[in-house]
Amino acid sequence: MKSHTNRFMSRLYVSDLDGTLLDPGGRISDVSLGILTELLTDGMPFTVASARSVVTMREVLRGLPVALPIVEFNGAFISELASGRHLHCDAIERHFVEDVLEAGRQHGMSPVVATFDGRADHAYFLPPGNEGLAGYAAGRKAAGDRRLRQVDSLAPALDEQMVCLTFMDRRENLEPLFAELRRRFEGTLRLMVFPEQYFPPWHWLTVHTGRATKAHAIQVLARDLDVTLDEVTVFGDQVNDIPMFEECGHAVAVANSVPALLAHADEVIGHHDTDSVAHYLQHVWRRRGLLLRRSGTDAEGVVNTEIEQLTANRCRNRKTTHR
């Protein structure tokens, strides 16, 4: 059982993006951007963890100056937000990818295959088989996403590190494939089905290695930063946030969270469309400084020392780890 930490004394704050930190349009609002920029400038140890790629995270965060590594693809990568450089990678073993691709073919589906070739990220896909995937591909191309590669065969992807397979279809069409993959690979691969909240009625079925969770990535990040999980506060709204809620010292759910996540929350704050995460962090940071001043501690000195230590620890662990 996890040990609950004092929310005012956390040494690392990690927020989910969609449905949590971002507004209903899938971008950070002007209010949240202003508050968080001020907090980060003041030294708050804050970062984000998302199912998104670092490419789309940069788009929706609109220049938010996050210096600490971020968690992308639900934990498959730990990366630098500004440069996109990967510091840690949990890839899917090739024989599992081949089995999943074959299962997909038997169900008449083909995924987007997200890979890393050691230098750059790629997203391979066959000609779209439905309007949802076609719309997704068109949207990413319009955004200038250089990762996209429409191909006649997914064979080239097998020679690279494969971090995520993503099927897109209506939920009723994904369920039979999901059931088969869960029967064959549950406990080995991490499988999730969830709605594309900005493009209904389409859903995603994602496949990662079993190690690729936000919780595991935060554990790796915390270790590299010399922070214990008890000293981490996390924010989320969906079932993929449950493992990090279970592992970290203080778990904060937004009011619009799914019931399954609310059951694991230590605290529930406002709806994500009210900038509740940013306002909460602002309150916590101000309260932290007040508590330190009341205790006779030099708050600014403590904060600056902690940030210097976090940065130094990150620099010592800059080499990318592949598994």
Foldseek 3Di string as FASTA:
>chain_A
DAAAADLLQFQAEEEEQPQWQPALVRAHDPVLLVLQLVVVVLQRRYEYAYLAQLVVVCVRDVPRPHQAWYHYNQAQFTAGSVPSHTLEGEFDQLVVVVVLQVLQVVLVWFWFWWFDAPDDIATEDEPDPDPVVVVVVVVCVVVVPPRYDHDNDCVVRSNTGTFKTKIKDAPVSCVVSQVVCCVVAPVFWDWDKDAPSNDPPMIIIMIGGPCRHPLNNVCVLCVLLVHAQLSYEYEDAEPSCQNSLVRHNAYEYEPNHDPVNVVSHPYYWYGSNVSTVSVVVSVSNVVSCVVCVVVVHPSSVVSVVSSVSSVVSCVVSRHYHYD
